[in-house]
């Protein structure tokens, strides 16, 4: 089912949604398509359209708040990997057969002098606003699309510049460096999004952090309050005053220790909520009520088990208390080793529990790489 932006906004702000939303957030991992073909899956199943997943069409607002610079330069390329140098000076390696995102092999910033050399890539210039894209977003919104804006992460960007270890230590050893990075990100984000939001209703603000693992977050509540909150609050308070309704963070891992601080910083929604890292969307609803909306939360690993395990997971998670303020879906990409029969069972059972109609070949929904 295609949702209209107003329906989705109502769902994620605990209003009167038409029904629960059941979707696929990311799609299969690289390699799963070959496994499924060998098991007899159709191309429509591999591309996800056969499962009639719920979705809301979304459109980018036209304002670029992150670092900007020249295209990467290729250093070497084989059938298995691509190595490039990006404009920040990092060596980026993409393992083609197992990944879609290149990872940095080195980092350009160790101190303030390093940062000041790269700072011009992060500062505001008028070209960051693409007014033709703003106009396209306005037209798409009139047809039911959700308009999204993005800001750089308060941890994610220092980590991209310094690596996790140096970034974490910089909070204690180089606080002035972290402060200047965050101040720059905040200034650019505001100068980009303020004029756009005067012309266009931004519905959702999004930030990527990915700052936690199974053992917990890499920063604590103090760092969230001192570093995340100045960036988050400045931008969110402005956009919320102009009608924005969702502020969503993308992070994996166990973030339970910092959720209260993140909510105080303005977040209204978090995804994908990994059960393997200790995230339990049922318990979160009991703890935070309507302060926190979620997406994801269904353990992807149970799909590699048996039908009884899949049923236990869905009967525990797909409860009426989560029919609002929640988008039900797997907590990340569909893992390799997931049998197509298990996936079909997961879809059919989830629809049954949620009271959705059985799959109909004439109806299609979420399409791989289409959202």
Protein backbone atom coordinates (compact mmCIF):
# COMPACT_ATOMS: atom_id res chain seq x y z
CA UNK A 1 0.00 0.00 0.00
CA UNK A 2 1.20 3.47 -0.87
CA UNK A 3 0.67 5.81 2.05
CA UNK A 4 0.00 9.53 1.68
CA UNK A 5 2.36 11.81 3.61
CA UNK A 6 -0.44 12.91 5.92
CA UNK A 7 -1.28 9.31 6.80
CA UNK A 8 2.38 8.58 7.52
CA UNK A 9 2.83 11.74 9.58
CA UNK A 10 -0.23 10.83 11.62
CA UNK A 11 1.10 7.31 12.16
CA UNK A 12 4.53 8.48 13.37
CA UNK A 13 3.10 11.18 15.64
CA UNK A 14 0.55 8.88 17.32
CA UNK A 15 -2.46 10.19 15.43
CA UNK A 16 -5.24 8.38 13.58
CA UNK A 17 -3.41 6.16 11.09
CA UNK A 18 -5.51 4.08 8.67
CA UNK A 19 -3.96 0.82 9.92
CA UNK A 20 -0.59 -0.61 11.07
CA UNK A 21 2.32 -0.15 8.66
CA UNK A 22 4.29 -3.27 7.64
CA UNK A 23 7.33 -2.79 5.43
CA UNK A 24 10.87 -3.71 4.48
CA UNK A 25 13.34 -1.01 5.47
CA UNK A 26 16.41 -1.94 3.43
CA UNK A 27 15.97 -5.09 1.36
CA UNK A 28 18.34 -8.06 0.84
CA UNK A 29 22.05 -8.15 1.54
CA UNK A 30 24.33 -8.58 -1.45
CA UNK A 31 24.32 -12.26 -2.43
CA UNK A 32 20.86 -13.14 -1.16
CA UNK A 33 19.32 -12.62 -4.59
CA UNK A 34 21.47 -15.45 -5.97
CA UNK A 35 20.43 -17.71 -3.09
CA UNK A 36 16.76 -16.95 -3.68
CA UNK A 37 16.98 -17.52 -7.43
CA UNK A 38 18.48 -20.95 -6.76
CA UNK A 39 15.51 -21.65 -4.46
CA UNK A 40 12.95 -20.69 -7.11
CA UNK A 41 12.15 -17.10 -6.16
CA UNK A 42 10.64 -14.89 -8.84
CA UNK A 43 12.25 -11.65 -9.94
CA UNK A 44 9.33 -9.76 -8.42
CA UNK A 45 10.13 -11.39 -5.08
CA UNK A 46 13.82 -10.57 -5.39
CA UNK A 47 12.94 -6.96 -6.23
CA UNK A 48 10.45 -6.93 -3.31
CA UNK A 49 7.46 -5.76 -5.34
CA UNK A 50 5.67 -9.12 -4.96
CA UNK A 51 5.27 -8.61 -1.22
CA UNK A 52 3.09 -5.48 -1.42
CA UNK A 53 5.10 -3.76 1.29
CA UNK A 54 3.73 -0.53 2.68
CA UNK A 55 5.66 2.62 1.80
CA UNK A 56 5.39 6.36 1.75
CA UNK A 57 7.03 8.10 -1.23
CA UNK A 58 9.57 10.64 -0.06
CA UNK A 59 11.48 13.44 -1.69
CA UNK A 60 14.64 15.33 -0.72
CA UNK A 61 14.09 18.98 0.15
CA UNK A 62 16.93 20.29 -2.07
CA UNK A 63 19.30 21.56 0.63
CA UNK A 64 22.77 20.03 1.06
CA UNK A 65 24.15 20.36 4.60
CA UNK A 66 27.04 17.86 4.57
CA UNK A 67 30.59 18.15 3.19
CA UNK A 68 30.91 19.07 -0.47
CA UNK A 69 33.86 18.63 -2.80
CA UNK A 70 35.14 17.07 -6.02
CA UNK A 71 34.31 13.52 -7.06
CA UNK A 72 36.56 10.70 -5.77
CA UNK A 73 39.64 9.75 -7.79
CA UNK A 74 40.11 6.04 -8.51
CA UNK A 75 43.39 4.59 -7.27
CA UNK A 76 42.81 0.97 -8.28
CA UNK A 77 39.98 -1.33 -9.26
CA UNK A 78 39.59 -5.09 -9.60
CA UNK A 79 36.61 -7.40 -9.95
CA UNK A 80 36.48 -7.63 -6.14
CA UNK A 81 37.31 -4.16 -4.88
CA UNK A 82 37.42 -0.46 -5.73
CA UNK A 83 39.91 1.88 -4.03
CA UNK A 84 39.47 5.63 -4.36
CA UNK A 85 40.75 8.86 -2.82
CA UNK A 86 37.95 11.22 -1.78
CA UNK A 87 38.08 15.01 -1.56
CA UNK A 88 38.74 14.85 2.19
CA UNK A 89 41.93 12.91 1.46
CA UNK A 90 40.68 9.54 2.70
CA UNK A 91 41.49 6.23 1.04
CA UNK A 92 38.10 4.58 0.51
CA UNK A 93 37.76 0.85 -0.20
CA UNK A 94 34.62 -0.82 -1.52
CA UNK A 95 34.40 -4.63 -1.40
CA UNK A 96 32.10 -5.08 -4.37
CA UNK A 97 30.85 -8.58 -3.62
CA UNK A 98 29.79 -7.93 -0.03
CA UNK A 99 29.12 -4.22 0.40
CA UNK A 100 27.48 -1.20 -1.18
CA UNK A 101 29.19 1.49 0.94
CA UNK A 102 32.97 2.11 0.80
CA UNK A 103 34.85 2.30 4.10
CA UNK A 104 37.70 4.70 4.93
CA UNK A 105 41.12 3.11 5.36
CA UNK A 106 42.65 6.28 6.85
CA UNK A 107 41.47 9.60 8.26
CA UNK A 108 42.55 13.18 7.56
CA UNK A 109 42.00 14.91 10.92
CA UNK A 110 44.07 14.51 14.07
CA UNK A 111 44.06 18.07 15.39
CA UNK A 112 42.67 21.56 14.85
CA UNK A 113 45.12 22.41 12.07
CA UNK A 114 43.99 19.38 10.07
CA UNK A 115 40.34 20.36 10.54
CA UNK A 116 40.90 23.98 9.52
CA UNK A 117 42.38 22.82 6.21
CA UNK A 118 39.20 20.85 5.47
CA UNK A 119 36.69 23.23 7.03
CA UNK A 120 35.94 25.04 3.72
CA UNK A 121 34.30 21.81 2.47
CA UNK A 122 31.77 22.16 5.32
CA UNK A 123 30.98 25.87 5.36
CA UNK A 124 27.94 27.47 3.77
CA UNK A 125 27.74 28.66 0.21
CA UNK A 126 24.59 29.53 -1.77
CA UNK A 127 25.12 26.61 -4.17
CA UNK A 128 24.14 24.24 -1.37
CA UNK A 129 20.52 25.18 -2.05
CA UNK A 130 19.18 23.77 -5.31
CA UNK A 131 16.05 25.79 -5.90
CA UNK A 132 14.96 23.62 -8.81
CA UNK A 133 14.98 20.62 -6.45
CA UNK A 134 13.05 22.62 -3.88
CA UNK A 135 10.38 23.28 -6.48
CA UNK A 136 10.27 19.61 -7.50
CA UNK A 137 9.86 18.69 -3.83
CA UNK A 138 6.99 21.15 -3.48
CA UNK A 139 5.18 19.55 -6.41
CA UNK A 140 5.84 16.01 -5.16
CA UNK A 141 4.55 16.97 -1.73
CA UNK A 142 1.29 18.19 -3.27
CA UNK A 143 0.91 14.67 -4.70
CA UNK A 144 1.45 12.99 -1.32
CA UNK A 145 5.23 12.62 -0.96
CA UNK A 146 6.99 13.16 2.37
CA UNK A 147 9.57 15.99 2.24
CA UNK A 148 12.79 15.15 4.09
CA UNK A 149 15.80 17.22 5.13
CA UNK A 150 19.12 15.84 6.37
CA UNK A 151 21.79 17.15 8.74
CA UNK A 152 25.24 15.66 9.39
CA UNK A 153 25.61 13.54 12.51
CA UNK A 154 27.16 15.05 15.63
CA UNK A 155 29.17 11.86 16.11
CA UNK A 156 29.04 10.49 12.60
CA UNK A 157 30.87 13.43 11.03
CA UNK A 158 33.75 13.61 13.56
CA UNK A 159 34.06 9.83 13.16
CA UNK A 160 34.24 10.21 9.37
CA UNK A 161 37.00 12.80 9.80
CA UNK A 162 38.99 11.21 12.61
CA UNK A 163 38.01 7.58 12.99
CA UNK A 164 36.18 6.22 16.02
CA UNK A 165 39.10 6.12 18.46
CA UNK A 166 40.42 9.62 17.83
CA UNK A 167 36.88 11.06 17.71
CA UNK A 168 35.97 9.52 21.05
CA UNK A 169 39.16 10.76 22.68
CA UNK A 170 38.69 14.23 21.18
CA UNK A 171 35.68 14.83 23.44
CA UNK A 172 38.14 14.82 26.36
CA UNK A 173 41.49 15.81 24.83
CA UNK A 174 40.41 18.28 22.11
CA UNK A 175 36.99 19.66 23.10
CA UNK A 176 37.63 22.87 21.18
CA UNK A 177 38.04 20.81 17.99
CA UNK A 178 34.73 19.01 18.49
CA UNK A 179 33.07 22.30 19.37
CA UNK A 180 34.27 23.97 16.18
CA UNK A 181 33.17 21.03 14.00
CA UNK A 182 29.69 21.03 15.55
CA UNK A 183 29.41 24.83 15.32
CA UNK A 184 30.28 24.66 11.62
CA UNK A 185 27.76 21.89 10.93
CA UNK A 186 25.10 23.83 12.82
CA UNK A 187 25.76 27.10 11.01
CA UNK A 188 25.69 25.46 7.57
CA UNK A 189 22.56 23.43 8.35
CA UNK A 190 20.70 26.49 9.55
CA UNK A 191 21.75 28.67 6.63
CA UNK A 192 20.65 25.97 4.20
CA UNK A 193 17.37 24.91 5.78
CA UNK A 194 16.03 28.24 7.03
CA UNK A 195 15.46 29.77 3.58
CA UNK A 196 14.18 26.48 2.16
CA UNK A 197 11.64 26.05 4.96
CA UNK A 198 10.30 29.52 4.19
CA UNK A 199 9.30 28.24 0.74
CA UNK A 200 8.66 24.55 1.39
CA UNK A 201 7.03 22.58 4.20
CA UNK A 202 9.72 20.19 5.46
CA UNK A 203 7.98 17.19 7.03
CA UNK A 204 10.86 15.19 8.46
CA UNK A 205 14.38 15.95 9.64
CA UNK A 206 16.83 13.02 9.43
CA UNK A 207 20.28 12.42 10.92
CA UNK A 208 22.62 9.45 10.54
CA UNK A 209 24.78 8.61 13.56
CA UNK A 210 25.36 4.83 13.74
CA UNK A 211 27.20 5.33 17.01
CA UNK A 212 26.55 2.13 18.95
CA UNK A 213 27.36 -1.57 19.01
CA UNK A 214 26.09 -4.52 21.03
CA UNK A 215 27.89 -3.31 24.15
CA UNK A 216 26.35 0.15 24.00
CA UNK A 217 26.90 3.62 22.52
CA UNK A 218 30.36 5.08 21.89
CA UNK A 219 29.36 8.29 23.63
CA UNK A 220 27.30 8.78 26.77
CA UNK A 221 24.52 11.11 27.91
CA UNK A 222 27.01 13.88 28.76
CA UNK A 223 28.37 13.97 25.20
CA UNK A 224 24.84 13.83 23.78
CA UNK A 225 23.80 16.82 25.86
CA UNK A 226 26.98 18.80 25.21
CA UNK A 227 27.58 17.92 21.56
CA UNK A 228 24.51 16.46 19.88
CA UNK A 229 21.96 18.74 21.50
CA UNK A 230 23.34 22.11 20.29
CA UNK A 231 23.17 20.91 16.65
CA UNK A 232 19.96 18.94 16.95
CA UNK A 233 17.98 21.52 18.92
CA UNK A 234 19.03 24.52 16.85
CA UNK A 235 17.85 22.94 13.59
CA UNK A 236 14.88 20.98 14.92
CA UNK A 237 13.39 23.81 16.95
CA UNK A 238 13.44 26.01 13.85
CA UNK A 239 11.92 23.37 11.56
CA UNK A 240 9.36 22.24 14.13
CA UNK A 241 8.20 25.83 14.56
CA UNK A 242 7.56 25.82 10.80
CA UNK A 243 5.52 22.62 10.80
CA UNK A 244 8.01 19.71 10.70
CA UNK A 245 6.61 16.75 12.63
CA UNK A 246 9.27 13.99 12.68
CA UNK A 247 12.93 14.12 13.72
CA UNK A 248 14.44 10.69 13.04
CA UNK A 249 17.85 9.22 13.79
CA UNK A 250 19.41 6.23 12.03
CA UNK A 251 21.63 4.22 14.35
CA UNK A 252 22.37 0.56 14.88
CA UNK A 253 23.40 -1.02 18.17
CA UNK A 254 22.28 -0.68 21.78
CA UNK A 255 21.41 2.95 22.50
CA UNK A 256 19.31 2.36 25.60
CA UNK A 257 21.68 4.33 27.89
CA UNK A 258 21.31 7.54 25.83
CA UNK A 259 17.69 7.48 24.69
CA UNK A 260 16.52 9.95 27.37
CA UNK A 261 19.27 12.39 26.35
CA UNK A 262 18.42 11.95 22.65
CA UNK A 263 14.75 12.67 23.32
CA UNK A 264 15.72 15.79 25.24
CA UNK A 265 17.78 16.80 22.18
CA UNK A 266 14.61 16.71 20.09
CA UNK A 267 14.46 13.27 18.47
CA UNK A 268 10.99 11.82 17.94
CA UNK A 269 11.87 8.59 16.08
CA UNK A 270 14.77 6.11 15.92
CA UNK A 271 15.48 3.15 13.65
CA UNK A 272 16.25 0.28 12.93
CA UNK A 273 16.21 -0.94 16.58
CA UNK A 274 18.32 -4.13 16.52
CA UNK A 275 17.10 -6.90 18.86
CA UNK A 276 20.50 -8.66 18.63
CA UNK A 277 21.98 -5.56 20.28
CA UNK A 278 19.39 -5.47 23.04
CA UNK A 279 16.77 -3.16 21.52
CA UNK A 280 13.20 -4.25 22.31
CA UNK A 281 10.47 -2.10 20.75
CA UNK A 282 7.80 -3.53 23.06
CA UNK A 283 9.79 -2.59 26.16
CA UNK A 284 10.65 0.81 24.65
CA UNK A 285 6.97 1.62 24.17
CA UNK A 286 6.28 0.66 27.77
CA UNK A 287 9.11 2.93 28.94
CA UNK A 288 8.76 5.97 26.69
CA UNK A 289 5.18 5.86 25.51
CA UNK A 290 4.41 8.48 22.91
CA UNK A 291 7.72 10.28 23.32
CA UNK A 292 9.43 7.81 20.96
CA UNK A 293 8.31 6.44 17.60
CA UNK A 294 10.27 3.60 16.01
CA UNK A 295 10.86 1.83 12.72
CA UNK A 296 12.12 -1.73 12.36
CA UNK A 297 12.59 -3.76 15.53
CA UNK A 298 11.81 -7.25 14.14
CA UNK A 299 14.77 -9.59 14.55
CA UNK A 300 16.13 -10.36 11.08
CA UNK A 301 18.03 -13.37 12.39
CA UNK A 302 14.86 -15.34 13.23
CA UNK A 303 14.21 -15.65 9.48
CA UNK A 304 17.11 -18.11 9.33
CA UNK A 305 15.51 -20.25 12.02
CA UNK A 306 12.24 -22.20 11.85
CA UNK A 307 8.62 -21.16 11.54
CA UNK A 308 8.03 -21.48 15.27
CA UNK A 309 10.75 -18.90 15.95
CA UNK A 310 9.30 -16.55 13.35
CA UNK A 311 5.83 -16.88 14.92
CA UNK A 312 7.15 -16.20 18.44
CA UNK A 313 8.92 -13.05 17.26
CA UNK A 314 5.92 -11.68 15.38
CA UNK A 315 3.36 -12.51 18.06
CA UNK A 316 5.53 -10.70 20.61
CA UNK A 317 6.23 -7.62 18.47
CA UNK A 318 3.11 -7.00 16.33
CA UNK A 319 0.94 -5.94 19.23
CA UNK A 320 -1.83 -3.31 19.30
CA UNK A 321 0.21 -1.02 21.55
CA UNK A 322 2.60 -0.52 18.60
CA UNK A 323 0.01 0.00 15.88
CA UNK A 324 0.71 3.74 16.09
CA UNK A 325 4.09 5.41 16.36
CA UNK A 326 5.72 2.37 14.75
CA UNK A 327 6.61 1.05 11.31
CA UNK A 328 6.97 -2.73 11.62
CA UNK A 329 9.92 -4.12 9.68
CA UNK A 330 13.16 -6.07 9.94
CA UNK A 331 15.90 -4.38 11.93
CA UNK A 332 18.21 -4.10 8.90
CA UNK A 333 18.91 -5.88 5.62
CA UNK A 334 17.57 -9.38 5.04
CA UNK A 335 20.56 -11.58 5.95
CA UNK A 336 22.17 -14.13 3.68
CA UNK A 337 21.04 -17.64 4.54
CA UNK A 338 17.39 -16.62 4.79
CA UNK A 339 15.34 -19.21 2.86
CA UNK A 340 12.78 -17.71 0.51
CA UNK A 341 10.12 -20.00 2.02
CA UNK A 342 10.83 -18.54 5.47
CA UNK A 343 10.58 -15.02 4.09
CA UNK A 344 7.27 -15.81 2.40
CA UNK A 345 5.99 -17.23 5.68
CA UNK A 346 7.16 -14.14 7.58
CA UNK A 347 5.29 -11.84 5.20
CA UNK A 348 2.08 -13.91 5.22
CA UNK A 349 2.05 -14.37 9.00
CA UNK A 350 2.81 -10.72 9.68
CA UNK A 351 -0.06 -9.63 7.46
CA UNK A 352 -2.38 -12.11 9.17
CA UNK A 353 -1.48 -10.93 12.69
CA UNK A 354 -1.87 -7.27 11.71
CA UNK A 355 -5.21 -7.88 10.04
CA UNK A 356 -3.99 -6.96 6.56
CA UNK A 357 -5.46 -8.68 3.49
CA UNK A 358 -3.57 -11.64 1.98
CA UNK A 359 -1.14 -10.89 -0.82
CA UNK A 360 -2.77 -10.22 -4.17
CA UNK A 361 -0.60 -10.46 -7.34
CA UNK A 362 -2.39 -7.40 -8.71
CA UNK A 363 -1.09 -5.25 -5.83
CA UNK A 364 2.52 -4.20 -5.44
CA UNK A 365 4.25 -2.07 -2.84
CA UNK A 366 7.77 -1.28 -1.73
CA UNK A 367 10.27 -1.83 -4.54
CA UNK A 368 13.96 -2.55 -3.96
CA UNK A 369 15.98 0.67 -4.45
CA UNK A 370 12.79 2.58 -5.24
CA UNK A 371 12.36 4.42 -1.94
